[in-house]
Each structure stands twice: as structure tokens, then as C-alpha cells.
Amino acid sequence: KVASFILSECIRIRHTSVIVTASEFSGFSVLSHSKEIQGTVASLRIDSFLSVALRKSRNQCVQIIKEEKVFCNNRKIVSAKFVPQPGDIISVRGVGRFQLKDDEIRQTKKGRHSIHILVQ
């Protein structure tokens, strides 16, 4: 019932004309295109995390945060002092999504923190 309705009514998506056809469902699979980035940061603040993930300076990352483009678990981040927790998903509008890996954050001999980031 729904398929015939969609076939007859779906003629435009936003400003683009479309032609919809029915086909048999043959299943689907999800491919993961994530890669891992490893880096060290002086502090566990969000600006340090973003500097490793985006490969930009901390000052550039602070500017992105001020432009209100950064979200942690779908909550807007307004301060560079925010400390993400392992497993949090950080998204930057117009850039992508990153996840602080769940394994432990290790401290290096020089007192810096070694982090692992999954780019989604």
C-alpha cells in the first residue's frame, strides 16, 4: 500500500525532480570507513582534542568553538574548557565526526596525554 503511494506522490525532492521506481529488497550491508588517529595533547580540553582530530592549531579550534560549530553527543559546546570523556562523539559542523576511543588515556613521560581518535 505504501509503495504505490510513494511511487505516485514522490515527484520532487526539494528543488530536484525525481523519478521513483520500485525494486525488490535484497538486503544491505554497512561498511565502516572509520580510521584511527593517535596524538598527544597537553591537556584533555576540547580545543586540544580538536587540534589533533582536525590537524589545526588550538587557536583555530577555539575560533571554530566560538562560531558554535562544535557539538559533543548532540549538545552545543560553547567553551574551549570543556573536557570530553572517552566514548563521546564530537561533531564539527561542515567538517565531520570524531570519537574519543574508549581505551584508557595514557600519560607520557613528559606529562602529556596520549589519545586515540576514531574518524567516522
N, C-alpha and C. Protein backbone atom coordinates (compact mmCIF):
# COMPACT_ATOMS: atom_id res chain seq x y z
N LYS A 1 0.83 -1.20 0.00
CA LYS A 1 0.00 0.00 0.00
C LYS A 1 0.87 1.26 0.00
N VAL A 2 1.87 1.29 0.85
CA VAL A 2 2.72 2.46 0.99
C VAL A 2 3.57 2.66 -0.25
N ALA A 3 4.05 1.56 -0.83
CA ALA A 3 4.92 1.67 -2.01
C ALA A 3 4.19 2.33 -3.16
N SER A 4 2.94 1.97 -3.41
CA SER A 4 2.19 2.58 -4.52
C SER A 4 1.96 4.06 -4.25
N PHE A 5 1.72 4.43 -2.99
CA PHE A 5 1.53 5.84 -2.66
C PHE A 5 2.81 6.63 -2.91
N ILE A 6 3.94 6.11 -2.47
CA ILE A 6 5.22 6.79 -2.66
C ILE A 6 5.55 6.92 -4.15
N LEU A 7 5.29 5.85 -4.91
CA LEU A 7 5.55 5.90 -6.35
C LEU A 7 4.73 6.98 -7.05
N SER A 8 3.50 7.16 -6.61
CA SER A 8 2.64 8.13 -7.28
C SER A 8 2.85 9.57 -6.79
N GLU A 9 3.26 9.75 -5.55
CA GLU A 9 3.34 11.09 -4.97
C GLU A 9 4.73 11.71 -4.95
N CYS A 10 5.76 10.91 -5.00
CA CYS A 10 7.12 11.44 -4.88
C CYS A 10 7.62 11.84 -6.27
N ILE A 11 7.48 13.12 -6.59
CA ILE A 11 7.92 13.61 -7.91
C ILE A 11 9.01 14.67 -7.78
N ARG A 12 9.19 15.21 -6.59
CA ARG A 12 10.17 16.26 -6.39
C ARG A 12 10.74 16.16 -4.98
N ILE A 13 12.07 16.29 -4.88
CA ILE A 13 12.74 16.38 -3.59
C ILE A 13 13.44 17.72 -3.57
N ARG A 14 12.94 18.59 -2.72
CA ARG A 14 13.36 19.98 -2.63
C ARG A 14 13.19 20.65 -3.99
N HIS A 15 14.25 20.97 -4.70
CA HIS A 15 14.13 21.64 -5.99
C HIS A 15 14.46 20.72 -7.16
N THR A 16 14.59 19.44 -6.89
CA THR A 16 15.02 18.50 -7.91
C THR A 16 13.88 17.55 -8.26
N SER A 17 13.58 17.43 -9.54
CA SER A 17 12.59 16.46 -10.00
C SER A 17 13.20 15.07 -9.95
N VAL A 18 12.42 14.09 -9.47
CA VAL A 18 12.90 12.73 -9.34
C VAL A 18 11.92 11.75 -9.96
N ILE A 19 12.44 10.60 -10.36
CA ILE A 19 11.61 9.50 -10.83
C ILE A 19 11.87 8.34 -9.88
N VAL A 20 10.80 7.82 -9.29
CA VAL A 20 10.90 6.76 -8.30
C VAL A 20 10.41 5.47 -8.92
N THR A 21 11.18 4.41 -8.75
CA THR A 21 10.77 3.09 -9.23
C THR A 21 10.86 2.10 -8.08
N ALA A 22 10.06 1.06 -8.17
CA ALA A 22 10.04 0.02 -7.14
C ALA A 22 11.04 -1.06 -7.51
N SER A 23 11.67 -1.65 -6.52
CA SER A 23 12.58 -2.77 -6.75
C SER A 23 12.48 -3.71 -5.56
N GLU A 24 12.95 -4.91 -5.75
CA GLU A 24 12.94 -5.90 -4.68
C GLU A 24 14.06 -5.60 -3.69
N PHE A 25 13.77 -5.79 -2.44
CA PHE A 25 14.77 -5.59 -1.40
C PHE A 25 15.66 -6.82 -1.33
N SER A 26 16.96 -6.60 -1.50
CA SER A 26 17.88 -7.74 -1.48
C SER A 26 18.85 -7.65 -0.28
N GLY A 27 18.51 -6.86 0.69
CA GLY A 27 19.36 -6.72 1.86
C GLY A 27 20.40 -5.63 1.66
N PHE A 28 21.06 -5.27 2.70
CA PHE A 28 22.10 -4.26 2.63
C PHE A 28 23.15 -4.55 3.67
N SER A 29 24.30 -3.96 3.49
CA SER A 29 25.36 -4.11 4.47
C SER A 29 25.94 -2.74 4.77
N VAL A 30 26.46 -2.60 5.96
CA VAL A 30 27.03 -1.34 6.40
C VAL A 30 28.55 -1.47 6.35
N LEU A 31 29.17 -0.55 5.63
CA LEU A 31 30.62 -0.55 5.54
C LEU A 31 31.16 0.55 6.45
N SER A 32 32.13 0.23 7.26
CA SER A 32 32.73 1.21 8.15
C SER A 32 33.95 1.82 7.47
N HIS A 33 33.93 3.13 7.35
CA HIS A 33 35.04 3.83 6.72
C HIS A 33 35.81 4.65 7.75
N SER A 34 35.82 4.18 8.98
CA SER A 34 36.49 4.95 10.02
C SER A 34 37.98 4.67 10.02
N LYS A 35 38.75 5.67 10.42
CA LYS A 35 40.18 5.48 10.58
C LYS A 35 40.57 6.01 11.94
N GLU A 36 41.72 5.60 12.41
CA GLU A 36 42.16 5.97 13.75
C GLU A 36 43.32 6.95 13.66
N ILE A 37 43.25 7.98 14.50
CA ILE A 37 44.31 8.97 14.62
C ILE A 37 44.83 8.90 16.05
N GLN A 38 46.14 8.90 16.19
CA GLN A 38 46.74 8.91 17.51
C GLN A 38 47.56 10.18 17.65
N GLY A 39 47.49 10.80 18.81
CA GLY A 39 48.26 12.01 19.05
C GLY A 39 48.45 12.25 20.53
N THR A 40 49.24 13.27 20.83
CA THR A 40 49.44 13.65 22.22
C THR A 40 48.98 15.08 22.41
N VAL A 41 48.41 15.35 23.56
CA VAL A 41 47.91 16.69 23.89
C VAL A 41 48.40 17.06 25.28
N ALA A 42 48.54 18.37 25.50
CA ALA A 42 49.00 18.85 26.80
C ALA A 42 47.89 18.75 27.84
N SER A 43 46.64 18.98 27.41
CA SER A 43 45.51 18.89 28.33
C SER A 43 44.38 18.17 27.62
N LEU A 44 43.40 17.72 28.36
CA LEU A 44 42.29 16.95 27.79
C LEU A 44 41.11 17.83 27.40
N ARG A 45 41.35 19.10 27.17
CA ARG A 45 40.28 20.03 26.79
C ARG A 45 39.86 19.79 25.34
N ILE A 46 38.67 20.28 25.00
CA ILE A 46 38.11 20.06 23.67
C ILE A 46 38.94 20.73 22.58
N ASP A 47 39.57 21.86 22.86
CA ASP A 47 40.37 22.51 21.83
C ASP A 47 41.62 21.69 21.50
N SER A 48 42.20 21.02 22.50
CA SER A 48 43.34 20.14 22.24
C SER A 48 42.91 18.92 21.45
N PHE A 49 41.78 18.35 21.82
CA PHE A 49 41.24 17.20 21.12
C PHE A 49 40.99 17.54 19.65
N LEU A 50 40.37 18.69 19.39
CA LEU A 50 40.08 19.10 18.01
C LEU A 50 41.35 19.40 17.22
N SER A 51 42.37 19.92 17.89
CA SER A 51 43.60 20.22 17.17
C SER A 51 44.24 18.95 16.62
N VAL A 52 44.12 17.83 17.33
CA VAL A 52 44.63 16.56 16.83
C VAL A 52 43.72 16.02 15.74
N ALA A 53 42.40 16.06 15.97
CA ALA A 53 41.45 15.49 15.03
C ALA A 53 41.40 16.26 13.70
N LEU A 54 41.45 17.60 13.78
CA LEU A 54 41.34 18.43 12.58
C LEU A 54 42.69 18.81 11.98
N ARG A 55 43.76 18.55 12.74
CA ARG A 55 45.11 18.94 12.33
C ARG A 55 45.19 20.44 12.09
N LYS A 56 44.70 21.18 13.08
CA LYS A 56 44.76 22.64 13.08
C LYS A 56 45.32 23.10 14.41
N SER A 57 45.66 24.38 14.50
CA SER A 57 46.20 24.90 15.75
C SER A 57 45.07 25.02 16.78
N ARG A 58 45.44 25.11 18.04
CA ARG A 58 44.44 25.26 19.09
C ARG A 58 43.69 26.58 18.94
N ASN A 59 44.37 27.64 18.50
CA ASN A 59 43.70 28.93 18.30
C ASN A 59 42.63 28.82 17.21
N GLN A 60 42.92 28.10 16.13
CA GLN A 60 41.92 27.90 15.08
C GLN A 60 40.74 27.09 15.61
N CYS A 61 41.02 26.11 16.46
CA CYS A 61 39.96 25.30 17.04
C CYS A 61 39.10 26.11 18.01
N VAL A 62 39.71 27.01 18.76
CA VAL A 62 38.94 27.89 19.66
C VAL A 62 38.00 28.77 18.84
N GLN A 63 38.46 29.24 17.69
CA GLN A 63 37.62 30.06 16.82
C GLN A 63 36.42 29.24 16.30
N ILE A 64 36.65 27.98 15.95
CA ILE A 64 35.56 27.12 15.50
C ILE A 64 34.54 26.92 16.62
N ILE A 65 35.02 26.79 17.86
CA ILE A 65 34.13 26.63 19.01
C ILE A 65 33.33 27.91 19.22
N LYS A 66 33.97 29.07 19.08
CA LYS A 66 33.26 30.36 19.24
C LYS A 66 32.19 30.54 18.17
N GLU A 67 32.41 29.97 16.99
CA GLU A 67 31.42 30.05 15.91
C GLU A 67 30.26 29.07 16.13
N GLU A 68 30.26 28.36 17.25
CA GLU A 68 29.22 27.41 17.66
C GLU A 68 29.01 26.30 16.64
N LYS A 69 30.11 25.74 16.15
CA LYS A 69 30.06 24.65 15.18
C LYS A 69 30.40 23.30 15.80
N VAL A 70 30.69 23.26 17.09
CA VAL A 70 31.16 22.04 17.74
C VAL A 70 30.06 21.49 18.67
N PHE A 71 29.82 20.17 18.56
CA PHE A 71 28.81 19.51 19.37
C PHE A 71 29.42 18.25 19.98
N CYS A 72 29.08 17.97 21.22
CA CYS A 72 29.50 16.75 21.89
C CYS A 72 28.24 15.99 22.28
N ASN A 73 28.07 14.80 21.71
CA ASN A 73 26.85 14.00 21.94
C ASN A 73 25.60 14.83 21.68
N ASN A 74 25.60 15.58 20.58
CA ASN A 74 24.49 16.42 20.11
C ASN A 74 24.20 17.62 21.01
N ARG A 75 25.13 18.01 21.87
CA ARG A 75 24.98 19.21 22.69
C ARG A 75 26.02 20.23 22.24
N LYS A 76 25.58 21.46 22.06
CA LYS A 76 26.47 22.50 21.59
C LYS A 76 27.53 22.82 22.63
N ILE A 77 28.78 22.93 22.18
CA ILE A 77 29.90 23.28 23.06
C ILE A 77 30.21 24.76 22.84
N VAL A 78 30.20 25.54 23.92
CA VAL A 78 30.44 26.97 23.81
C VAL A 78 31.74 27.42 24.48
N SER A 79 32.41 26.48 25.13
CA SER A 79 33.64 26.82 25.83
C SER A 79 34.75 25.85 25.45
N ALA A 80 35.95 26.39 25.26
CA ALA A 80 37.11 25.55 24.94
C ALA A 80 37.58 24.77 26.16
N LYS A 81 37.05 25.07 27.34
CA LYS A 81 37.45 24.39 28.57
C LYS A 81 36.74 23.05 28.77
N PHE A 82 35.77 22.75 27.90
CA PHE A 82 35.01 21.51 28.02
C PHE A 82 35.95 20.31 27.90
N VAL A 83 35.75 19.29 28.76
CA VAL A 83 36.59 18.09 28.76
C VAL A 83 35.75 16.91 28.29
N PRO A 84 36.00 16.39 27.07
CA PRO A 84 35.24 15.23 26.59
C PRO A 84 35.68 13.96 27.32
N GLN A 85 34.76 13.03 27.47
CA GLN A 85 35.02 11.76 28.13
C GLN A 85 35.25 10.68 27.08
N PRO A 86 35.98 9.60 27.39
CA PRO A 86 36.15 8.50 26.44
C PRO A 86 34.78 7.98 25.99
N GLY A 87 34.63 7.79 24.68
CA GLY A 87 33.37 7.33 24.11
C GLY A 87 32.49 8.44 23.59
N ASP A 88 32.77 9.70 23.95
CA ASP A 88 31.97 10.82 23.46
C ASP A 88 32.17 10.99 21.96
N ILE A 89 31.10 11.39 21.28
CA ILE A 89 31.16 11.66 19.86
C ILE A 89 31.15 13.17 19.67
N ILE A 90 32.20 13.68 19.06
CA ILE A 90 32.35 15.11 18.81
C ILE A 90 32.08 15.35 17.33
N SER A 91 31.16 16.24 17.01
CA SER A 91 30.90 16.58 15.62
C SER A 91 31.18 18.06 15.40
N VAL A 92 31.76 18.36 14.26
CA VAL A 92 32.07 19.73 13.88
C VAL A 92 31.30 20.00 12.59
N ARG A 93 30.40 20.96 12.65
CA ARG A 93 29.54 21.25 11.51
C ARG A 93 30.38 21.60 10.29
N GLY A 94 30.14 20.90 9.19
CA GLY A 94 30.84 21.15 7.95
C GLY A 94 32.17 20.44 7.82
N VAL A 95 32.58 19.69 8.87
CA VAL A 95 33.88 19.02 8.84
C VAL A 95 33.73 17.52 9.00
N GLY A 96 33.09 17.07 10.07
CA GLY A 96 32.94 15.64 10.29
C GLY A 96 32.69 15.27 11.73
N ARG A 97 32.79 13.97 12.00
CA ARG A 97 32.51 13.41 13.30
C ARG A 97 33.71 12.64 13.81
N PHE A 98 33.96 12.75 15.10
CA PHE A 98 35.11 12.09 15.72
C PHE A 98 34.67 11.47 17.03
N GLN A 99 35.32 10.39 17.41
CA GLN A 99 35.01 9.76 18.69
C GLN A 99 36.30 9.51 19.45
N LEU A 100 36.31 9.93 20.71
CA LEU A 100 37.44 9.65 21.60
C LEU A 100 37.33 8.19 21.99
N LYS A 101 38.32 7.39 21.61
CA LYS A 101 38.25 5.95 21.77
C LYS A 101 38.15 5.57 23.25
N ASP A 102 37.45 4.47 23.51
CA ASP A 102 37.14 4.04 24.87
C ASP A 102 38.33 3.56 25.68
N ASP A 103 39.42 3.18 25.01
CA ASP A 103 40.54 2.66 25.79
C ASP A 103 41.14 3.77 26.66
N GLU A 104 41.96 3.39 27.59
CA GLU A 104 42.46 4.35 28.56
C GLU A 104 43.34 5.42 27.91
N ILE A 105 43.29 6.59 28.46
CA ILE A 105 44.15 7.69 28.03
C ILE A 105 45.42 7.60 28.85
N ARG A 106 46.52 7.41 28.17
CA ARG A 106 47.81 7.21 28.86
C ARG A 106 48.56 8.52 28.98
N GLN A 107 49.33 8.61 30.03
CA GLN A 107 50.18 9.79 30.22
C GLN A 107 51.60 9.44 29.80
N THR A 108 52.20 10.34 29.01
CA THR A 108 53.57 10.11 28.54
C THR A 108 54.57 10.48 29.62
N LYS A 109 55.83 10.21 29.37
CA LYS A 109 56.89 10.53 30.33
C LYS A 109 56.99 12.03 30.58
N LYS A 110 56.65 12.82 29.56
CA LYS A 110 56.74 14.28 29.70
C LYS A 110 55.47 14.90 30.29
N GLY A 111 54.51 14.09 30.68
CA GLY A 111 53.31 14.61 31.31
C GLY A 111 52.19 14.94 30.34
N ARG A 112 52.36 14.63 29.06
CA ARG A 112 51.31 14.85 28.09
C ARG A 112 50.38 13.64 28.07
N HIS A 113 49.24 13.76 27.38
CA HIS A 113 48.26 12.68 27.32
C HIS A 113 48.22 12.12 25.91
N SER A 114 48.32 10.80 25.80
CA SER A 114 48.24 10.11 24.51
C SER A 114 46.78 9.73 24.28
N ILE A 115 46.19 10.17 23.15
CA ILE A 115 44.78 9.90 22.87
C ILE A 115 44.66 9.18 21.53
N HIS A 116 43.56 8.44 21.40
CA HIS A 116 43.20 7.75 20.16
C HIS A 116 41.83 8.27 19.73
N ILE A 117 41.73 8.66 18.45
CA ILE A 117 40.51 9.24 17.91
C ILE A 117 40.07 8.41 16.72
N LEU A 118 38.78 8.07 16.68
CA LEU A 118 38.20 7.42 15.51
C LEU A 118 37.51 8.47 14.67
N VAL A 119 37.90 8.57 13.39
CA VAL A 119 37.26 9.49 12.46
C VAL A 119 36.17 8.72 11.76
N GLN A 120 34.93 9.21 11.85
CA GLN A 120 33.79 8.50 11.26
C GLN A 120 33.39 9.09 9.95
